Amino acid sequence: RARNAGLYLATLAAALGPLSFGFVLGYSSPVIPELSKASDPQLRLDSAQASWFASVVTLGAAAGGILGGYLVDQVGRKLSLMLCSIPYVSGYLVIISARNIWMLYFGRILTGLASGITSLVVPVYISEISHPQVRGMLGSCVQLMVVTGILGAYIAGIALKWRWLAVLCCFPSCIMLLFMFFMPETPRFLLNQNKRSEAIASLQFLRGPHVDHEWECRQIEDNVEEEGLSILEFRNPSIYRPLLIGVALMFFQQVTGINAVMFYAETIFEDAHFKDSRMASVVVGSIQVCFTAVAALIIDKTGRKVLLYISGFIMALSTALFGLYFKMVLPTPGNSSHPDLLFTLNTVAPGTESSLPWLAVVSLGLFVAGFALGWGPIPWLVMSEIFPLKARGISSGACVLTNWVMAFFVTKEFHDLIGLLTAYGTFWLFSAFCCMNVLFTAFYVPETKGRTLEQIEAYFRRS
């Protein structure tokens, strides 16, 4: 354990990035109800503006994925992480000084941009500094810190007004900037830049003094290809196959409906007669943190695929139960003319008020636990493991772009889907996608447990 002290310290410093990212995602939940009742008409949000305030972050993050893919290869993993603290702090400063809704939107786009860079760079940084025995656990810490940040924003939002909450949200990124200054660049990036002595120094920090650094350095060097990446090389199966798997994982993560379900969590709790729906959001956030922590602790023993199977099955079951709940509470078969879930939940069929809302609450808890156990952390972890070194930046950028574009699409189009398919039809569609996730995992996702990044790259070259 002692020899891993430097590795754990560097992981902790980098993981402050996902913590900042979690605060960005969690910020809108306590703030939207407050701004919906703001005394200043310039800052008061109606339902459409509230929806944009929540979802415009995903557009910024999609742009951040493209920018991060460029930065991570050009300036390195460490400097990219340090640079992304600038849009984090700038975005919150714009929000703090906001005088109208457009300033709020701009601040959210800036923090979204930083989140997109973070969601790409941190998994790559952690996977490249880790050794195979702990890479799964440390890689899962990315999602653990995200959900911890979301929970932190929920809890702080109970006590703090929206401007003071924005002040608090600045702190993790500032601390990350300070800590990362003292951390090493990844050995793989340094060797790719022909900086062998610096790579050895990095390994000494990360592995401690009593390990054969020369041997590990040679293992990485054998796999480093110095030439740049041309677009024609994407015809090579060793590059396009992991890219397609990574993009598909991000697509399937979002079409489980996670963002849509979380967006309506408070509505579901209110219908179940919870006294304080904000506290209910804290409960949901706590479930996420607990099960993501469980996933991090067991992932290097069970493997990635087993957790994806279990997670997909639990989510398929819970979204099917959600669909059943809505099927039973809809007052008439032709309710599709009322696509608003608030309407649906408040016009339940007679006699179902006392018992059925608990079916929705149990389904929600089960869904969140299932997602946190596998499909939350593992796509980000696998993304950081399967790409060859020379294509890691551009391939990771494509995955992050896919994830955030799909997150925006699912969140914004959720109402239209309900109008088209009804509430229960929409959740049964999510359930069908969860079943497809399990099949995709079985046939296409490689097991990366216990393998070095070089062995994973060699696997794709051979196959």
Protein backbone atom coordinates (compact mmCIF):
# COMPACT_ATOMS: atom_id res chain seq x y z
CA ARG A 1 0.00 0.00 0.00
CA ALA A 2 2.84 2.39 0.87
CA ARG A 3 4.28 2.12 -2.63
CA ASN A 4 0.95 3.35 -4.01
CA ALA A 5 0.90 6.55 -1.90
CA GLY A 6 2.01 8.77 -4.80
CA LEU A 7 -0.50 7.11 -7.14
CA TYR A 8 -3.38 7.66 -4.69
CA LEU A 9 -2.33 11.28 -4.14
CA ALA A 10 -2.24 12.00 -7.89
CA THR A 11 -5.64 10.27 -8.32
CA LEU A 12 -7.12 12.36 -5.50
CA ALA A 13 -5.83 15.59 -7.06
CA ALA A 14 -7.24 14.67 -10.50
CA ALA A 15 -10.55 13.47 -8.96
CA LEU A 16 -11.24 17.01 -7.71
CA GLY A 17 -12.09 17.68 -11.38
CA PRO A 18 -15.06 15.25 -11.41
CA LEU A 19 -16.09 16.65 -8.01
CA SER A 20 -16.32 20.09 -9.66
CA PHE A 21 -18.22 18.51 -12.55
CA GLY A 22 -20.68 16.96 -10.05
CA PHE A 23 -21.31 20.36 -8.46
CA VAL A 24 -22.10 21.74 -11.93
CA LEU A 25 -24.66 18.98 -12.58
CA GLY A 26 -26.19 19.24 -9.11
CA TYR A 27 -26.31 23.06 -9.07
CA SER A 28 -29.51 23.38 -11.13
CA SER A 29 -31.68 21.14 -8.90
CA PRO A 30 -31.85 23.40 -5.80
CA VAL A 31 -31.42 26.63 -7.80
CA ILE A 32 -34.27 26.28 -10.35
CA PRO A 33 -37.08 26.32 -7.70
CA GLU A 34 -35.44 29.38 -6.09
CA LEU A 35 -35.03 31.29 -9.38
CA SER A 36 -38.57 30.36 -10.43
CA LYS A 37 -39.75 32.57 -7.54
CA ALA A 38 -37.05 35.27 -7.85
CA SER A 39 -38.21 38.79 -6.95
CA ASP A 40 -36.16 40.26 -9.84
CA PRO A 41 -38.15 39.69 -13.09
CA GLN A 42 -34.85 39.75 -15.06
CA LEU A 43 -33.74 36.59 -13.24
CA ARG A 44 -37.08 34.79 -12.82
CA LEU A 45 -37.22 31.50 -14.75
CA ASP A 46 -40.38 30.13 -16.36
CA SER A 47 -40.62 26.37 -17.11
CA ALA A 48 -39.02 26.63 -20.58
CA GLN A 49 -36.14 28.78 -19.26
CA ALA A 50 -35.65 26.40 -16.32
CA SER A 51 -35.35 23.51 -18.77
CA TRP A 52 -32.68 25.41 -20.73
CA PHE A 53 -30.87 26.40 -17.51
CA ALA A 54 -30.59 22.70 -16.62
CA SER A 55 -29.74 21.35 -20.08
CA VAL A 56 -27.53 24.07 -21.64
CA VAL A 57 -24.66 22.59 -19.58
CA THR A 58 -24.72 19.54 -21.85
CA LEU A 59 -24.13 21.70 -24.95
CA GLY A 60 -21.13 23.34 -23.28
CA ALA A 61 -19.87 19.89 -22.27
CA ALA A 62 -20.21 18.57 -25.84
CA ALA A 63 -17.97 21.44 -27.01
CA GLY A 64 -15.65 20.66 -24.08
CA GLY A 65 -15.34 17.08 -25.31
CA ILE A 66 -14.05 18.31 -28.70
CA LEU A 67 -11.69 20.84 -27.10
CA GLY A 68 -10.50 18.30 -24.51
CA GLY A 69 -9.68 15.76 -27.24
CA TYR A 70 -7.37 18.35 -28.82
CA LEU A 71 -5.83 19.61 -25.56
CA VAL A 72 -5.10 16.18 -24.05
CA ASP A 73 -2.81 15.26 -26.98
CA GLN A 74 -1.28 18.71 -27.58
CA VAL A 75 -0.49 20.04 -24.08
CA GLY A 76 -0.73 16.84 -22.05
CA ARG A 77 -3.04 15.37 -19.44
CA LYS A 78 -1.80 17.39 -16.46
CA LEU A 79 -1.86 20.84 -18.07
CA SER A 80 -5.29 20.17 -19.64
CA LEU A 81 -6.66 19.51 -16.15
CA MET A 82 -5.08 22.68 -14.76
CA LEU A 83 -6.43 24.76 -17.66
CA CYS A 84 -10.03 23.58 -17.21
CA SER A 85 -10.19 25.28 -13.79
CA ILE A 86 -10.33 28.61 -15.73
CA PRO A 87 -13.78 28.07 -17.35
CA TYR A 88 -15.06 26.52 -14.08
CA VAL A 89 -14.25 29.64 -12.04
CA SER A 90 -15.13 32.07 -14.87
CA GLY A 91 -18.55 30.41 -15.31
CA TYR A 92 -19.40 30.70 -11.63
CA LEU A 93 -18.20 34.32 -11.52
CA VAL A 94 -20.59 35.11 -14.40
CA ILE A 95 -23.43 33.39 -12.51
CA ILE A 96 -22.59 35.20 -9.25
CA SER A 97 -22.64 38.59 -11.02
CA ALA A 98 -25.68 37.72 -13.22
CA ARG A 99 -28.16 40.53 -13.86
CA ASN A 100 -30.32 38.67 -16.40
CA ILE A 101 -31.17 35.18 -17.64
CA TRP A 102 -28.67 35.31 -20.51
CA MET A 103 -25.80 35.76 -18.06
CA LEU A 104 -27.06 32.68 -16.18
CA TYR A 105 -27.07 30.70 -19.45
CA PHE A 106 -23.56 31.91 -20.37
CA GLY A 107 -22.21 30.97 -16.94
CA ARG A 108 -23.76 27.50 -17.27
CA ILE A 109 -22.23 27.04 -20.75
CA LEU A 110 -18.77 27.93 -19.40
CA THR A 111 -19.06 25.49 -16.48
CA GLY A 112 -20.38 22.91 -18.98
CA LEU A 113 -17.33 23.47 -21.20
CA ALA A 114 -15.05 22.79 -18.22
CA SER A 115 -17.13 19.69 -17.34
CA GLY A 116 -16.71 18.31 -20.87
CA ILE A 117 -12.92 18.72 -20.72
CA THR A 118 -12.84 17.17 -17.24
CA SER A 119 -15.00 14.17 -18.21
CA LEU A 120 -12.48 13.36 -20.96
CA VAL A 121 -9.12 14.17 -19.36
CA VAL A 122 -9.52 12.74 -15.84
CA PRO A 123 -10.34 9.13 -16.89
CA VAL A 124 -7.38 9.19 -19.31
CA TYR A 125 -5.02 10.64 -16.67
CA ILE A 126 -6.03 8.12 -13.99
CA SER A 127 -5.89 5.09 -16.31
CA GLU A 128 -2.43 6.07 -17.57
CA ILE A 129 -0.90 6.52 -14.10
CA SER A 130 -2.49 3.36 -12.60
CA HIS A 131 -1.27 -0.24 -12.66
CA PRO A 132 -3.72 -3.04 -13.59
CA GLN A 133 -4.42 -4.25 -10.03
CA VAL A 134 -6.07 -0.96 -8.97
CA ARG A 135 -6.96 0.70 -12.29
CA GLY A 136 -10.63 -0.33 -12.11
CA MET A 137 -11.06 0.96 -8.57
CA LEU A 138 -9.28 4.26 -9.23
CA GLY A 139 -11.04 4.73 -12.58
CA SER A 140 -14.42 4.23 -10.87
CA CYS A 141 -13.51 7.07 -8.49
CA VAL A 142 -14.27 9.45 -11.39
CA GLN A 143 -18.00 8.64 -11.25
CA LEU A 144 -17.89 8.39 -7.44
CA MET A 145 -16.61 11.97 -7.23
CA VAL A 146 -19.23 13.15 -9.77
CA VAL A 147 -22.12 11.75 -7.69
CA THR A 148 -20.49 13.06 -4.50
CA GLY A 149 -20.42 16.53 -6.09
CA ILE A 150 -24.10 16.23 -7.09
CA LEU A 151 -25.00 15.20 -3.53
CA GLY A 152 -22.87 18.04 -2.14
CA ALA A 153 -24.75 20.57 -4.29
CA TYR A 154 -28.12 19.13 -3.16
CA ILE A 155 -27.17 19.35 0.53
CA ALA A 156 -25.54 22.80 0.28
CA GLY A 157 -28.55 24.03 -1.73
CA ILE A 158 -30.82 23.44 1.27
CA ALA A 159 -28.87 26.02 3.32
CA LEU A 160 -27.37 28.42 0.74
CA LYS A 161 -28.93 30.92 -1.66
CA TRP A 162 -28.05 30.48 -5.34
CA ARG A 163 -25.24 33.08 -5.48
CA TRP A 164 -23.53 31.70 -2.34
CA LEU A 165 -23.92 28.16 -3.69
CA ALA A 166 -22.05 29.31 -6.83
CA VAL A 167 -19.27 30.68 -4.59
CA LEU A 168 -18.99 27.29 -2.85
CA CYS A 169 -18.91 25.48 -6.23
CA CYS A 170 -15.74 27.41 -7.19
CA PHE A 171 -13.64 25.80 -4.45
CA PRO A 172 -13.04 22.22 -5.77
CA SER A 173 -11.61 23.46 -9.10
CA CYS A 174 -9.35 25.99 -7.34
CA ILE A 175 -8.01 23.26 -5.03
CA MET A 176 -7.51 20.97 -8.05
CA LEU A 177 -5.44 23.67 -9.78
CA LEU A 178 -3.22 23.97 -6.69
CA PHE A 179 -2.80 20.21 -6.16
CA MET A 180 -2.22 19.32 -9.82
CA PHE A 181 0.68 21.78 -9.95
CA PHE A 182 2.67 19.33 -7.77
CA MET A 183 1.56 16.13 -9.55
CA PRO A 184 3.46 14.38 -12.39
CA GLU A 185 2.44 14.10 -16.03
CA THR A 186 1.57 10.53 -17.10
CA PRO A 187 4.57 8.34 -18.07
CA ARG A 188 2.86 7.31 -21.33
CA PHE A 189 2.42 10.89 -22.52
CA LEU A 190 6.02 11.77 -21.54
CA LEU A 191 7.42 8.77 -23.42
CA ASN A 192 5.30 9.69 -26.43
CA GLN A 193 7.02 13.10 -26.28
CA ASN A 194 10.49 11.43 -26.03
CA LYS A 195 10.99 12.64 -22.44
CA ARG A 196 12.37 9.43 -20.96
CA SER A 197 14.06 10.86 -17.86
CA GLU A 198 10.88 12.74 -16.91
CA ALA A 199 8.87 9.54 -17.44
CA ILE A 200 11.20 7.67 -15.05
CA ALA A 201 10.78 10.47 -12.47
CA SER A 202 7.00 10.27 -12.89
CA LEU A 203 7.09 6.49 -12.29
CA GLN A 204 9.25 7.00 -9.19
CA PHE A 205 6.61 9.36 -7.76
CA LEU A 206 3.71 7.06 -8.69
CA ARG A 207 5.21 3.66 -7.78
CA GLY A 208 7.65 4.58 -5.00
CA PRO A 209 11.43 4.01 -4.98
CA HIS A 210 11.45 0.20 -4.55
CA VAL A 211 9.98 -0.82 -7.93
CA ASP A 212 11.73 -1.62 -11.23
CA HIS A 213 10.89 1.60 -13.07
CA GLU A 214 13.12 0.72 -16.02
CA TRP A 215 11.15 -2.47 -16.70
CA GLU A 216 7.78 -0.64 -16.71
CA CYS A 217 9.27 2.13 -18.84
CA ARG A 218 10.46 -0.43 -21.43
CA GLN A 219 7.03 -2.11 -21.47
CA ILE A 220 5.38 1.23 -22.29
CA GLU A 221 8.12 2.19 -24.80
CA ASP A 222 7.62 -1.04 -26.75
CA ASN A 223 4.08 0.09 -27.44
CA VAL A 224 4.61 3.82 -28.02
CA GLU A 225 4.35 4.80 -31.67
CA GLU A 226 5.88 8.18 -32.21
CA GLU A 227 4.31 9.04 -35.55
CA GLY A 228 1.14 11.15 -35.58
CA LEU A 229 -2.31 9.86 -36.37
CA SER A 230 -3.70 10.33 -39.87
CA ILE A 231 -7.39 10.10 -40.72
CA LEU A 232 -6.68 7.10 -43.01
CA GLU A 233 -5.59 5.05 -39.98
CA PHE A 234 -9.19 4.94 -38.79
CA ARG A 235 -9.67 2.21 -41.41
CA ASN A 236 -7.46 0.05 -39.19
CA PRO A 237 -9.62 -2.29 -37.01
CA SER A 238 -7.26 -1.77 -34.02
CA ILE A 239 -8.33 1.91 -34.04
CA TYR A 240 -11.92 1.92 -35.31
CA ARG A 241 -13.16 -1.11 -33.31
CA PRO A 242 -12.38 0.35 -29.85
CA LEU A 243 -13.74 3.72 -31.08
CA LEU A 244 -17.07 2.15 -32.10
CA ILE A 245 -17.28 0.26 -28.77
CA GLY A 246 -16.56 3.45 -26.80
CA VAL A 247 -19.11 5.54 -28.74
CA ALA A 248 -21.75 2.77 -28.40
CA LEU A 249 -21.14 2.55 -24.62
CA MET A 250 -21.76 6.30 -24.29
CA PHE A 251 -24.88 6.09 -26.47
CA PHE A 252 -26.31 3.21 -24.45
CA GLN A 253 -25.49 4.92 -21.14
CA GLN A 254 -27.73 7.85 -22.04
CA VAL A 255 -30.60 5.94 -23.67
CA THR A 256 -31.20 4.11 -20.38
CA GLY A 257 -33.10 7.34 -19.59
CA ILE A 258 -30.97 8.25 -16.55
CA ASN A 259 -31.16 12.01 -17.14
CA ALA A 260 -34.90 11.96 -17.80
CA VAL A 261 -35.57 9.88 -14.66
CA MET A 262 -33.40 12.15 -12.47
CA PHE A 263 -35.04 15.26 -13.96
CA TYR A 264 -38.46 14.08 -12.71
CA ALA A 265 -37.28 12.56 -9.41
CA GLU A 266 -38.68 15.43 -7.31
CA THR A 267 -42.09 15.18 -9.05
CA ILE A 268 -42.25 11.45 -8.25
CA PHE A 269 -41.37 12.04 -4.60
CA GLU A 270 -43.94 14.83 -4.28
CA ASP A 271 -46.62 12.49 -5.60
CA ALA A 272 -45.58 9.88 -3.03
CA HIS A 273 -46.43 12.53 -0.39
CA PHE A 274 -42.87 13.13 0.81
CA LYS A 275 -42.92 16.20 3.05
CA ASP A 276 -39.73 17.66 1.54
CA SER A 277 -38.84 16.72 -2.03
CA ARG A 278 -35.42 18.40 -1.62
CA MET A 279 -34.57 15.94 1.14
CA ALA A 280 -35.80 13.17 -1.16
CA SER A 281 -33.28 14.36 -3.77
CA VAL A 282 -30.58 14.04 -1.08
CA VAL A 283 -31.74 10.44 -0.49
CA VAL A 284 -31.44 9.69 -4.23
CA GLY A 285 -27.98 11.30 -4.30
CA SER A 286 -26.92 9.21 -1.29
CA ILE A 287 -28.05 5.99 -3.02
CA GLN A 288 -25.92 6.97 -6.03
CA VAL A 289 -22.85 7.62 -3.88
CA CYS A 290 -23.22 4.34 -1.92
CA PHE A 291 -23.63 2.08 -4.94
CA THR A 292 -20.92 3.84 -6.97
CA ALA A 293 -18.58 3.27 -4.00
CA VAL A 294 -19.59 -0.42 -3.95
CA ALA A 295 -18.83 -0.66 -7.69
CA ALA A 296 -15.39 0.96 -7.16
CA LEU A 297 -14.52 -1.53 -4.40
CA ILE A 298 -15.51 -4.70 -6.28
CA ILE A 299 -14.79 -3.84 -9.93
CA ASP A 300 -11.22 -5.19 -9.97
CA LYS A 301 -12.45 -8.51 -8.50
CA THR A 302 -15.68 -9.04 -10.47
CA GLY A 303 -14.58 -7.46 -13.75
CA ARG A 304 -16.30 -4.86 -15.92
CA LYS A 305 -18.69 -7.10 -17.86
CA VAL A 306 -20.32 -8.78 -14.83
CA LEU A 307 -21.23 -5.39 -13.34
CA LEU A 308 -22.58 -4.18 -16.71
CA TYR A 309 -24.81 -7.29 -16.89
CA ILE A 310 -26.14 -6.84 -13.33
CA SER A 311 -26.61 -3.09 -13.83
CA GLY A 312 -28.43 -3.50 -17.16
CA PHE A 313 -30.77 -6.15 -15.74
CA ILE A 314 -31.66 -4.03 -12.66
CA MET A 315 -32.35 -0.96 -14.83
CA ALA A 316 -34.45 -2.97 -17.31
CA LEU A 317 -36.55 -4.28 -14.41
CA SER A 318 -36.95 -0.87 -12.72
CA THR A 319 -37.91 1.02 -15.90
CA ALA A 320 -40.43 -1.75 -16.71
CA LEU A 321 -41.90 -1.18 -13.21
CA PHE A 322 -41.99 2.57 -13.89
CA GLY A 323 -43.95 1.86 -17.06
CA LEU A 324 -46.32 -0.39 -15.11
CA TYR A 325 -46.83 2.39 -12.53
CA PHE A 326 -47.76 4.94 -15.21
CA LYS A 327 -49.97 2.41 -17.01
CA MET A 328 -51.94 1.87 -13.77
CA VAL A 329 -52.24 5.53 -12.74
CA LEU A 330 -53.19 7.02 -16.12
CA PRO A 331 -56.89 7.91 -15.82
CA THR A 332 -57.79 7.19 -19.49
CA PRO A 333 -56.13 5.33 -22.37
CA GLY A 334 -56.05 8.50 -24.47
CA ASN A 335 -53.95 10.54 -22.09
CA SER A 336 -51.22 11.06 -24.68
CA SER A 337 -52.68 14.49 -25.37
CA HIS A 338 -51.27 15.48 -21.96
CA PRO A 339 -47.54 14.83 -22.24
CA ASP A 340 -46.70 16.66 -19.01
CA LEU A 341 -45.65 14.25 -16.29
CA LEU A 342 -46.83 16.75 -13.68
CA PHE A 343 -50.31 16.38 -15.16
CA THR A 344 -49.98 12.59 -15.30
CA LEU A 345 -48.88 12.31 -11.68
CA ASN A 346 -51.52 14.63 -10.33
CA THR A 347 -54.45 12.98 -12.12
CA VAL A 348 -54.05 9.39 -10.98
CA ALA A 349 -56.94 7.00 -11.26
CA PRO A 350 -59.23 6.81 -8.19
CA GLY A 351 -58.12 4.38 -5.49
CA THR A 352 -54.44 4.33 -6.47
CA GLU A 353 -53.31 7.37 -4.46
CA SER A 354 -52.32 5.59 -1.27
CA SER A 355 -50.28 2.64 -2.50
CA LEU A 356 -49.03 3.04 -6.06
CA PRO A 357 -46.75 6.08 -5.69
CA TRP A 358 -44.51 3.85 -3.58
CA LEU A 359 -44.06 1.62 -6.65
CA ALA A 360 -42.59 4.68 -8.41
CA VAL A 361 -40.31 5.47 -5.45
CA VAL A 362 -39.05 1.85 -5.22
CA SER A 363 -38.52 1.80 -9.01
CA LEU A 364 -36.58 5.07 -8.80
CA GLY A 365 -34.34 3.79 -5.98
CA LEU A 366 -33.72 0.53 -7.83
CA PHE A 367 -32.96 2.34 -11.09
CA VAL A 368 -30.47 4.74 -9.48
CA ALA A 369 -28.75 1.89 -7.59
CA GLY A 370 -28.51 -0.21 -10.77
CA PHE A 371 -27.10 2.67 -12.82
CA ALA A 372 -24.53 3.53 -10.13
CA LEU A 373 -23.38 -0.08 -9.94
CA GLY A 374 -22.37 -0.42 -13.59
CA TRP A 375 -23.61 1.77 -16.43
CA GLY A 376 -22.71 4.96 -14.51
CA PRO A 377 -18.97 4.45 -13.88
CA ILE A 378 -17.93 1.67 -16.29
CA PRO A 379 -18.40 3.34 -19.74
CA TRP A 380 -16.05 6.14 -18.58
CA LEU A 381 -13.55 3.58 -17.24
CA VAL A 382 -13.60 1.40 -20.39
CA MET A 383 -13.27 4.54 -22.55
CA SER A 384 -10.01 5.34 -20.75
CA GLU A 385 -8.66 1.80 -21.20
CA ILE A 386 -9.38 0.60 -24.75
CA PHE A 387 -7.97 3.28 -27.07
CA PRO A 388 -4.43 3.06 -28.48
CA LEU A 389 -2.16 5.79 -27.16
CA LYS A 390 -1.87 7.75 -30.40
CA ALA A 391 -5.67 7.81 -30.91
CA ARG A 392 -6.61 8.35 -27.25
CA GLY A 393 -7.32 12.08 -27.50
CA ILE A 394 -9.47 12.09 -30.65
CA SER A 395 -11.29 8.84 -29.78
CA SER A 396 -12.05 9.98 -26.23
CA GLY A 397 -13.29 13.30 -27.66
CA ALA A 398 -15.74 11.45 -29.94
CA CYS A 399 -17.04 9.44 -26.96
CA VAL A 400 -17.52 12.50 -24.73
CA LEU A 401 -19.24 14.38 -27.57
CA THR A 402 -21.61 11.42 -28.11
CA ASN A 403 -22.40 11.22 -24.39
CA TRP A 404 -23.26 14.89 -23.94
CA VAL A 405 -25.19 15.26 -27.22
CA MET A 406 -27.29 12.22 -26.25
CA ALA A 407 -27.75 13.62 -22.71
CA PHE A 408 -29.08 16.86 -24.21
CA PHE A 409 -31.31 15.03 -26.70
CA VAL A 410 -32.84 12.65 -24.12
CA THR A 411 -33.48 15.42 -21.57
CA LYS A 412 -34.96 17.91 -24.06
CA GLU A 413 -37.04 15.39 -26.06
CA PHE A 414 -38.42 13.50 -23.03
CA HIS A 415 -41.68 15.47 -23.07
CA ASP A 416 -42.17 14.88 -26.80
CA LEU A 417 -41.53 11.15 -26.33
CA ILE A 418 -44.24 11.02 -23.67
CA GLY A 419 -46.60 12.83 -26.04
CA LEU A 420 -45.84 10.32 -28.79
CA LEU A 421 -45.62 7.05 -26.82
CA THR A 422 -47.44 7.94 -23.52
CA ALA A 423 -45.58 7.89 -20.18
CA TYR A 424 -45.65 4.10 -19.80
CA GLY A 425 -44.62 3.54 -23.43
CA THR A 426 -41.61 5.84 -22.94
CA PHE A 427 -40.40 3.95 -19.86
CA TRP A 428 -40.92 0.60 -21.57
CA LEU A 429 -38.78 1.94 -24.43
CA PHE A 430 -36.05 2.77 -21.86
CA SER A 431 -36.45 -0.79 -20.52
CA ALA A 432 -35.95 -2.21 -24.03
CA PHE A 433 -32.74 -0.14 -24.41
CA CYS A 434 -31.49 -1.50 -21.06
CA CYS A 435 -32.00 -5.04 -22.43
CA MET A 436 -30.05 -4.04 -25.55
CA ASN A 437 -27.25 -2.78 -23.27
CA VAL A 438 -26.89 -6.29 -21.82
CA LEU A 439 -26.76 -7.89 -25.30
CA PHE A 440 -24.22 -5.31 -26.53
CA THR A 441 -22.02 -6.02 -23.48
CA ALA A 442 -22.19 -9.77 -24.11
CA PHE A 443 -21.13 -9.62 -27.76
CA TYR A 444 -18.86 -6.58 -28.11
CA VAL A 445 -17.37 -5.26 -24.84
CA PRO A 446 -13.96 -6.81 -24.00
CA GLU A 447 -13.08 -7.68 -20.41
CA THR A 448 -10.18 -5.40 -19.37
CA LYS A 449 -9.77 -6.57 -15.75
CA GLY A 450 -6.16 -7.23 -14.80
CA ARG A 451 -4.67 -6.24 -18.17
CA THR A 452 -2.18 -3.46 -18.78
CA LEU A 453 -3.14 -0.75 -21.29
CA GLU A 454 -0.49 -2.20 -23.61
CA GLN A 455 -2.06 -5.70 -23.39
CA ILE A 456 -5.49 -4.25 -24.20
CA GLU A 457 -4.06 -2.44 -27.22
CA ALA A 458 -2.36 -5.66 -28.36
CA TYR A 459 -5.69 -7.51 -28.01
CA PHE A 460 -7.36 -5.17 -30.52
CA ARG A 461 -4.39 -5.43 -32.89
CA ARG A 462 -4.59 -9.26 -32.83
CA SER A 463 -8.38 -9.42 -33.23
